[in-house]
């Protein structure tokens, strides 16, 4: 980004209520040390040297930059030269290098993050705020669902609320936040849900079912009407969450189902076909992750037989019965499963068996 825009972004980041991890600019922006160094100068001045780690986290010597950085030490040498150049403007900042510095930064991130106070956006950063909402929920025992109510700072349209739930991940930090970002720009309030057992909601994450998600969504929409005072509630759900929202459609005044999982057998067949076309490469990538993200059998019939014979009460890897297309599988294997902070959940077999014949394509919504 232009240096002026980068400086503005840093000022916005310093006003956030929770921790923010900012990566770059670095060698991908430019291989010229004099061009990169001013960005480091701005970061040190805005954030403080103690909040900066000089590292090469994405291993440039193994990527498309292998011709420039032939080994990890060469990449770190570039980082050190950037620091040396920045010192001409900063003096002698105590900048830290490598994995130890990265670990020290992560140690400062609290286990429970505060409710977000606004998203970063290229045009406007402070047009809404978020507040925690705890919804009573009964699922064999008294529990609470964690939600965040996002409201525009000005001119809120109180006529309707958009209730947003996630897909398979179940957390509100991904798609629900993205929808909140866009809808609050249109002055629409948004209530984002974390499913039972996910994030800060109580319950067991391993005992998830589509029916349970539907009951949770119904409980939140009822709370939104009776306790928050919204007369009209529109439901939005991403991917697998759409199946749960469709089960609860009678409770809503409107539905939005982006990337909807409408017919699981069709999706499973397509995913297996794309994996078969790339199976050898994916198997090599998955060698050390077979217990985390196992590839499905080569035929849909074998996949179906495998799921039908699972123990409904036993725990299995989260992606065993939820095959992804080849490209998404590659992202999961390379980026998600190898991330130090990612912990793959275990899921009961009955969830995959419920999902196996899921078909919402003929659901009538009046």
Foldseek 3Di string as FASTA:
>chain_A
DPLVLLLVVLQLQVPKPADDDDDDDDVVVHLDLVVRLVSVLSNCVRPNQLLDEQEDVVFCCPDPNVVVPVGRVSRSVSSVSSVVVNCVVVPDGPHHYDDVSVVVNVVPHDPATAATQFDDDSPDTHQKGKHWDWFWDDDPHTWTWIKIKIFGPDDADLQEEEEEFEAPLQDCPPVVVVVCNVVVVVNHMYIYTRADCHRPTHDNPQEDALCSLLRVSLRVLVCCCPPVPHPAYEYEYEARNVLSCLVNLVSHPYYDYPNYPAWLLVQVQQQLVQCVVVVVVLCVLCVVPCQAANAADNHSVRLLVVLVPADQADWGHPNSLPRGHPVVSVCCSPPPVPDPPHDTDIHGSVRSVNSNGRHRPPRDRD
